[in-house]
Amino acid sequence: MPSISIKCRNCGAESAAEWRSIINVADNPELKEQVISGSLFIHECPHCGTHSLITEPVVYIDPEEKLIILCSGKEMSLEPPEEGDWACFTVRQVREIGELVEKVKIFHCGLDDSVMDLCKRVTVMEMKKEVPLKFFRTQGADNEIIFTYPENGQMEMIAIGFNVYEDCAAILRNHNAGD
């Protein structure tokens, strides 16, 4: 596997880290859980033990979910194919690893990221405070949706009913039907 050089943010030492610029979970199914947990993107400095986030560009491919996500800090032109096997894939571009992990979690739960974005906006309005919500998971028999957000140096959680997701999906369907 190819490696990249990582400079430790704590001790300044450089070390090699294994890195996959393309993550195809059809070829390596175990990588999906490592992406979802975020562990695939963490490097431990062999000199001082400090953990660092690897922020190199990466392409995530999940043929089962029909999903391709390009993660790069640079704006790139990404045109989904119009024909062939790839035409039915959902293609997304994100700027940060955290966004990549969140998208993979959303699609893994069988949810739509556009609907989830609207759910976040609605939830922030209901909370009456501007916080960056991140999808964490669904839970329970009713598929309650759990978001996390930072507050006062801690990660907090808020749960919303799945009915909010269903209402947001209906709003987007009606909006798109009017186009």
C-alpha atoms as a PDB file:
ATOM      1  CA  MET A   1       0.000   0.000   0.000  1.00  0.00           C
ATOM      2  CA  PRO A   2       1.321   3.484  -0.807  1.00  0.00           C
ATOM      3  CA  SER A   3       2.391   5.764   2.005  1.00  0.00           C
ATOM      4  CA  ILE A   4       2.518   9.487   2.620  1.00  0.00           C
ATOM      5  CA  SER A   5       4.670  11.554   4.939  1.00  0.00           C
ATOM      6  CA  ILE A   6       2.955  13.089   7.972  1.00  0.00           C
ATOM      7  CA  LYS A   7       4.513  15.777  10.156  1.00  0.00           C
ATOM      8  CA  CYS A   8       3.434  15.462  13.792  1.00  0.00           C
ATOM      9  CA  ARG A   9       1.650  18.539  15.091  1.00  0.00           C
ATOM     10  CA  ASN A  10       3.073  17.881  18.556  1.00  0.00           C
ATOM     11  CA  CYS A  11       6.755  16.880  18.206  1.00  0.00           C
ATOM     12  CA  GLY A  12       7.355  17.876  14.572  1.00  0.00           C
ATOM     13  CA  ALA A  13       8.769  14.477  13.597  1.00  0.00           C
ATOM     14  CA  GLU A  14       7.935  13.121  10.152  1.00  0.00           C
ATOM     15  CA  SER A  15       6.738   9.569   9.707  1.00  0.00           C
ATOM     16  CA  ALA A  16       5.189   7.436   6.999  1.00  0.00           C
ATOM     17  CA  ALA A  17       1.472   6.669   7.050  1.00  0.00           C
ATOM     18  CA  GLU A  18      -0.292   4.146   4.856  1.00  0.00           C
ATOM     19  CA  TRP A  19      -2.758   5.948   2.618  1.00  0.00           C
ATOM     20  CA  ARG A  20      -5.324   4.915   0.061  1.00  0.00           C
ATOM     21  CA  SER A  21      -6.276   7.702  -2.311  1.00  0.00           C
ATOM     22  CA  ILE A  22      -9.119   5.494  -3.563  1.00  0.00           C
ATOM     23  CA  ILE A  23     -11.263   3.592  -1.084  1.00  0.00           C
ATOM     24  CA  ASN A  24     -13.385   1.044  -2.914  1.00  0.00           C
ATOM     25  CA  VAL A  25     -15.378  -0.828  -0.287  1.00  0.00           C
ATOM     26  CA  ALA A  26     -16.352  -3.496  -2.824  1.00  0.00           C
ATOM     27  CA  ASP A  27     -12.673  -4.503  -2.967  1.00  0.00           C
ATOM     28  CA  ASN A  28     -12.118  -4.044   0.784  1.00  0.00           C
ATOM     29  CA  PRO A  29     -15.441  -4.291   2.702  1.00  0.00           C
ATOM     30  CA  GLU A  30     -13.680  -3.872   6.069  1.00  0.00           C
ATOM     31  CA  LEU A  31     -12.746  -0.318   5.076  1.00  0.00           C
ATOM     32  CA  LYS A  32     -16.363   0.857   5.268  1.00  0.00           C
ATOM     33  CA  GLU A  33     -16.473   0.447   9.063  1.00  0.00           C
ATOM     34  CA  GLN A  34     -13.066   2.126   9.331  1.00  0.00           C
ATOM     35  CA  VAL A  35     -14.425   5.090   7.335  1.00  0.00           C
ATOM     36  CA  ILE A  36     -17.613   5.236   9.444  1.00  0.00           C
ATOM     37  CA  SER A  37     -15.605   5.171  12.685  1.00  0.00           C
ATOM     38  CA  GLY A  38     -13.070   7.632  11.260  1.00  0.00           C
ATOM     39  CA  SER A  39     -10.184   5.357  12.257  1.00  0.00           C
ATOM     40  CA  LEU A  40      -8.960   5.059   8.656  1.00  0.00           C
ATOM     41  CA  PHE A  41      -8.038   8.745   8.720  1.00  0.00           C
ATOM     42  CA  ILE A  42      -6.117   8.786  12.015  1.00  0.00           C
ATOM     43  CA  HIS A  43      -2.328   8.501  12.166  1.00  0.00           C
ATOM     44  CA  GLU A  44      -0.448   7.923  15.417  1.00  0.00           C
ATOM     45  CA  CYS A  45       3.000   9.482  15.601  1.00  0.00           C
ATOM     46  CA  PRO A  46       5.488   6.667  16.340  1.00  0.00           C
ATOM     47  CA  HIS A  47       7.707   9.147  18.209  1.00  0.00           C
ATOM     48  CA  CYS A  48       5.297  10.725  20.710  1.00  0.00           C
ATOM     49  CA  GLY A  49       1.954   8.934  20.244  1.00  0.00           C
ATOM     50  CA  THR A  50       0.005  12.032  19.155  1.00  0.00           C
ATOM     51  CA  HIS A  51      -2.954  11.271  16.914  1.00  0.00           C
ATOM     52  CA  SER A  52      -3.386  13.380  13.780  1.00  0.00           C
ATOM     53  CA  LEU A  53      -6.097  13.531  11.164  1.00  0.00           C
ATOM     54  CA  ILE A  54      -4.909  12.677   7.649  1.00  0.00           C
ATOM     55  CA  THR A  55      -6.394  15.252   5.289  1.00  0.00           C
ATOM     56  CA  GLU A  56      -5.126  14.059   1.914  1.00  0.00           C
ATOM     57  CA  PRO A  57      -7.592  13.961  -1.015  1.00  0.00           C
ATOM     58  CA  VAL A  58      -9.495  10.698  -1.288  1.00  0.00           C
ATOM     59  CA  VAL A  59     -12.205   9.119  -3.421  1.00  0.00           C
ATOM     60  CA  TYR A  60     -14.702   6.850  -1.664  1.00  0.00           C
ATOM     61  CA  ILE A  61     -16.571   4.305  -3.820  1.00  0.00           C
ATOM     62  CA  ASP A  62     -19.377   2.089  -2.555  1.00  0.00           C
ATOM     63  CA  PRO A  63     -20.941   0.155  -5.453  1.00  0.00           C
ATOM     64  CA  GLU A  64     -23.573  -1.437  -3.190  1.00  0.00           C
ATOM     65  CA  GLU A  65     -24.827   1.981  -2.032  1.00  0.00           C
ATOM     66  CA  LYS A  66     -24.263   3.374  -5.567  1.00  0.00           C
ATOM     67  CA  LEU A  67     -22.188   6.144  -3.992  1.00  0.00           C
ATOM     68  CA  ILE A  68     -19.041   8.048  -4.967  1.00  0.00           C
ATOM     69  CA  ILE A  69     -17.655  10.783  -2.727  1.00  0.00           C
ATOM     70  CA  LEU A  70     -14.662  12.910  -3.641  1.00  0.00           C
ATOM     71  CA  CYS A  71     -13.004  14.556  -0.648  1.00  0.00           C
ATOM     72  CA  SER A  72     -10.593  17.358  -1.446  1.00  0.00           C
ATOM     73  CA  GLY A  73      -9.869  20.731   0.106  1.00  0.00           C
ATOM     74  CA  LYS A  74      -9.664  22.140  -3.411  1.00  0.00           C
ATOM     75  CA  GLU A  75     -12.656  22.888  -5.592  1.00  0.00           C
ATOM     76  CA  MET A  76     -12.767  20.368  -8.397  1.00  0.00           C
ATOM     77  CA  SER A  77     -15.045  19.832 -11.339  1.00  0.00           C
ATOM     78  CA  LEU A  78     -16.937  16.610 -10.858  1.00  0.00           C
ATOM     79  CA  GLU A  79     -19.216  15.529 -13.658  1.00  0.00           C
ATOM     80  CA  PRO A  80     -21.214  12.366 -13.040  1.00  0.00           C
ATOM     81  CA  PRO A  81     -21.230  10.003 -16.015  1.00  0.00           C
ATOM     82  CA  GLU A  82     -24.382  10.030 -18.118  1.00  0.00           C
ATOM     83  CA  GLU A  83     -24.059   6.463 -19.399  1.00  0.00           C
ATOM     84  CA  GLY A  84     -22.798   3.080 -18.302  1.00  0.00           C
ATOM     85  CA  ASP A  85     -22.514   1.437 -14.914  1.00  0.00           C
ATOM     86  CA  TRP A  86     -21.573   4.672 -13.123  1.00  0.00           C
ATOM     87  CA  ALA A  87     -24.560   6.704 -14.378  1.00  0.00           C
ATOM     88  CA  CYS A  88     -26.843   5.445 -11.596  1.00  0.00           C
ATOM     89  CA  PHE A  89     -24.403   6.450  -8.834  1.00  0.00           C
ATOM     90  CA  THR A  90     -24.938   9.346  -6.439  1.00  0.00           C
ATOM     91  CA  VAL A  91     -21.836  11.536  -6.721  1.00  0.00           C
ATOM     92  CA  ARG A  92     -20.896  14.049  -4.039  1.00  0.00           C
ATOM     93  CA  GLN A  93     -17.934  16.302  -3.357  1.00  0.00           C
ATOM     94  CA  VAL A  94     -16.905  17.350   0.152  1.00  0.00           C
ATOM     95  CA  ARG A  95     -14.033  19.459   1.441  1.00  0.00           C
ATOM     96  CA  GLU A  96     -13.160  17.704   4.725  1.00  0.00           C
ATOM     97  CA  ILE A  97     -12.768  14.160   6.038  1.00  0.00           C
ATOM     98  CA  GLY A  98     -15.479  14.787   8.653  1.00  0.00           C
ATOM     99  CA  GLU A  99     -17.942  15.585   5.868  1.00  0.00           C
ATOM    100  CA  LEU A 100     -16.942  12.403   4.044  1.00  0.00           C
ATOM    101  CA  VAL A 101     -17.544  10.312   7.174  1.00  0.00           C
ATOM    102  CA  GLU A 102     -20.919  11.992   7.728  1.00  0.00           C
ATOM    103  CA  LYS A 103     -22.069  11.346   4.129  1.00  0.00           C
ATOM    104  CA  VAL A 104     -21.033   7.687   4.333  1.00  0.00           C
ATOM    105  CA  LYS A 105     -22.986   7.306   7.602  1.00  0.00           C
ATOM    106  CA  ILE A 106     -26.077   8.936   6.086  1.00  0.00           C
ATOM    107  CA  PHE A 107     -26.091   6.743   2.992  1.00  0.00           C
ATOM    108  CA  HIS A 108     -25.236   3.635   5.046  1.00  0.00           C
ATOM    109  CA  CYS A 109     -28.452   4.252   7.034  1.00  0.00           C
ATOM    110  CA  GLY A 110     -30.419   4.412   3.765  1.00  0.00           C
ATOM    111  CA  LEU A 111     -31.050   8.137   4.088  1.00  0.00           C
ATOM    112  CA  ASP A 112     -30.755  11.004   1.622  1.00  0.00           C
ATOM    113  CA  ASP A 113     -28.101  13.637   2.357  1.00  0.00           C
ATOM    114  CA  SER A 114     -30.146  16.470   0.805  1.00  0.00           C
ATOM    115  CA  VAL A 115     -33.075  15.658   3.070  1.00  0.00           C
ATOM    116  CA  MET A 116     -30.670  15.412   6.011  1.00  0.00           C
ATOM    117  CA  ASP A 117     -29.326  18.912   5.237  1.00  0.00           C
ATOM    118  CA  LEU A 118     -32.874  20.286   5.443  1.00  0.00           C
ATOM    119  CA  CYS A 119     -33.456  18.368   8.702  1.00  0.00           C
ATOM    120  CA  LYS A 120     -30.363  20.032  10.141  1.00  0.00           C
ATOM    121  CA  ARG A 121     -31.601  23.502   9.135  1.00  0.00           C
ATOM    122  CA  VAL A 122     -35.024  22.870  10.653  1.00  0.00           C
ATOM    123  CA  THR A 123     -33.471  21.498  13.854  1.00  0.00           C
ATOM    124  CA  VAL A 124     -31.119  24.475  14.221  1.00  0.00           C
ATOM    125  CA  MET A 125     -34.094  26.830  13.804  1.00  0.00           C
ATOM    126  CA  GLU A 126     -36.016  24.900  16.482  1.00  0.00           C
ATOM    127  CA  MET A 127     -32.996  24.990  18.817  1.00  0.00           C
ATOM    128  CA  LYS A 128     -32.847  28.782  18.352  1.00  0.00           C
ATOM    129  CA  LYS A 129     -29.043  28.722  18.292  1.00  0.00           C
ATOM    130  CA  GLU A 130     -26.553  28.516  15.453  1.00  0.00           C
ATOM    131  CA  VAL A 131     -24.636  25.250  15.856  1.00  0.00           C
ATOM    132  CA  PRO A 132     -23.024  22.993  13.225  1.00  0.00           C
ATOM    133  CA  LEU A 133     -25.034  19.763  13.441  1.00  0.00           C
ATOM    134  CA  LYS A 134     -23.486  16.502  12.240  1.00  0.00           C
ATOM    135  CA  PHE A 135     -25.433  13.326  11.596  1.00  0.00           C
ATOM    136  CA  PHE A 136     -24.326  10.704  14.129  1.00  0.00           C
ATOM    137  CA  ARG A 137     -26.728   7.767  13.793  1.00  0.00           C
ATOM    138  CA  THR A 138     -30.283   6.524  13.879  1.00  0.00           C
ATOM    139  CA  GLN A 139     -31.492   4.617  16.914  1.00  0.00           C
ATOM    140  CA  GLY A 140     -34.477   2.824  18.331  1.00  0.00           C
ATOM    141  CA  ALA A 141     -37.511   1.212  16.781  1.00  0.00           C
ATOM    142  CA  ASP A 142     -38.693   4.577  15.465  1.00  0.00           C
ATOM    143  CA  ASN A 143     -35.339   5.387  13.795  1.00  0.00           C
ATOM    144  CA  GLU A 144     -34.840   8.498  15.872  1.00  0.00           C
ATOM    145  CA  ILE A 145     -32.114  10.638  14.253  1.00  0.00           C
ATOM    146  CA  ILE A 146     -29.218  11.702  16.452  1.00  0.00           C
ATOM    147  CA  PHE A 147     -27.109  14.762  15.640  1.00  0.00           C
ATOM    148  CA  THR A 148     -23.986  15.931  17.463  1.00  0.00           C
ATOM    149  CA  TYR A 149     -22.708  19.472  17.879  1.00  0.00           C
ATOM    150  CA  PRO A 150     -19.950  21.210  19.847  1.00  0.00           C
ATOM    151  CA  GLU A 151     -20.904  23.409  22.794  1.00  0.00           C
ATOM    152  CA  ASN A 152     -18.698  24.744  25.586  1.00  0.00           C
ATOM    153  CA  GLY A 153     -15.827  22.422  24.646  1.00  0.00           C
ATOM    154  CA  GLN A 154     -18.045  19.331  24.746  1.00  0.00           C
ATOM    155  CA  MET A 155     -19.883  17.300  22.120  1.00  0.00           C
ATOM    156  CA  GLU A 156     -23.620  17.432  22.729  1.00  0.00           C
ATOM    157  CA  MET A 157     -26.341  15.326  21.145  1.00  0.00           C
ATOM    158  CA  ILE A 158     -29.853  16.111  20.069  1.00  0.00           C
ATOM    159  CA  ALA A 159     -32.449  13.615  18.873  1.00  0.00           C
ATOM    160  CA  ILE A 160     -35.241  14.294  16.407  1.00  0.00           C
ATOM    161  CA  GLY A 161     -38.099  12.059  15.401  1.00  0.00           C
ATOM    162  CA  PHE A 162     -37.992  10.315  12.046  1.00  0.00           C
ATOM    163  CA  ASN A 163     -41.170  12.221  11.169  1.00  0.00           C
ATOM    164  CA  VAL A 164     -39.004  15.346  10.746  1.00  0.00           C
ATOM    165  CA  TYR A 165     -36.984  13.499   8.097  1.00  0.00           C
ATOM    166  CA  GLU A 166     -40.182  12.332   6.373  1.00  0.00           C
ATOM    167  CA  ASP A 167     -41.614  15.879   6.407  1.00  0.00           C
ATOM    168  CA  CYS A 168     -38.388  17.309   4.967  1.00  0.00           C
ATOM    169  CA  ALA A 169     -38.356  14.601   2.264  1.00  0.00           C
ATOM    170  CA  ALA A 170     -41.930  15.547   1.301  1.00  0.00           C
ATOM    171  CA  ILE A 171     -41.004  19.236   1.153  1.00  0.00           C
ATOM    172  CA  LEU A 172     -38.068  18.503  -1.179  1.00  0.00           C
ATOM    173  CA  ARG A 173     -40.177  16.172  -3.363  1.00  0.00           C
ATOM    174  CA  ASN A 174     -42.871  18.839  -3.717  1.00  0.00           C
ATOM    175  CA  HIS A 175     -40.262  21.518  -4.425  1.00  0.00           C
ATOM    176  CA  ASN A 176     -38.540  19.376  -7.068  1.00  0.00           C
ATOM    177  CA  ALA A 177     -41.879  18.454  -8.656  1.00  0.00           C
ATOM    178  CA  GLY A 178     -42.495  22.159  -9.199  1.00  0.00           C
ATOM    179  CA  ASP A 179     -39.250  22.621 -11.191  1.00  0.00           C
END
